């Protein structure tokens, strides 16, 4: 993909304890939020365009 958006609560590595290199890729945007709430807001914003 040309650009990627990752929805995650924090940069913590999670259960496995391994950082995800995708998070540091220049084509990746991070949206720090609860995924369900964030996607509901993004969906509504797109509908309002």
Protein backbone atom coordinates (compact mmCIF):
# COMPACT_ATOMS: atom_id res chain seq x y z
CA UNK A 1 0.00 0.00 0.00
CA UNK A 2 1.11 3.55 -0.59
CA UNK A 3 0.04 4.54 2.92
CA UNK A 4 -1.02 2.60 6.00
CA UNK A 5 -2.95 3.73 9.07
CA UNK A 6 -2.50 1.72 12.26
CA UNK A 7 -5.05 2.16 15.05
CA UNK A 8 -3.50 1.25 18.38
CA UNK A 9 -3.79 2.46 21.96
CA UNK A 10 -0.03 2.91 22.45
CA UNK A 11 3.37 2.03 21.04
CA UNK A 12 3.80 -0.81 23.55
CA UNK A 13 4.98 -4.06 21.96
CA UNK A 14 2.08 -6.09 23.36
CA UNK A 15 1.95 -9.67 24.58
CA UNK A 16 4.82 -10.97 22.44
CA UNK A 17 7.12 -8.14 23.54
CA UNK A 18 8.31 -7.54 19.97
CA UNK A 19 8.17 -4.13 18.27
CA UNK A 20 6.39 -4.06 14.92
CA UNK A 21 8.67 -2.49 12.26
CA UNK A 22 5.55 -1.32 10.39
CA UNK A 23 5.03 1.29 13.12
CA UNK A 24 8.31 2.99 12.18
CA UNK A 25 7.84 2.94 8.41
CA UNK A 26 7.59 6.46 6.92
CA UNK A 27 4.45 5.40 5.00
CA UNK A 28 2.67 4.48 8.24
CA UNK A 29 0.45 6.87 10.16
CA UNK A 30 -0.41 6.02 13.76
CA UNK A 31 -3.85 6.79 15.20
CA UNK A 32 -3.63 6.34 18.96
CA UNK A 33 -7.16 5.53 20.09
CA UNK A 34 -9.62 2.79 20.91
CA UNK A 35 -10.10 1.12 17.52
CA UNK A 36 -13.90 0.84 17.65
CA UNK A 37 -14.43 4.46 18.68
CA UNK A 38 -11.83 5.76 16.24
CA UNK A 39 -13.28 3.90 13.27
CA UNK A 40 -16.79 5.05 14.14
CA UNK A 41 -15.52 8.65 14.11
CA UNK A 42 -13.59 8.18 10.85
CA UNK A 43 -16.63 6.55 9.21
CA UNK A 44 -18.87 9.43 10.27
CA UNK A 45 -16.36 12.01 9.04
CA UNK A 46 -16.17 10.33 5.62
CA UNK A 47 -19.97 10.19 5.38
CA UNK A 48 -20.11 13.92 6.12
CA UNK A 49 -17.83 14.81 3.19
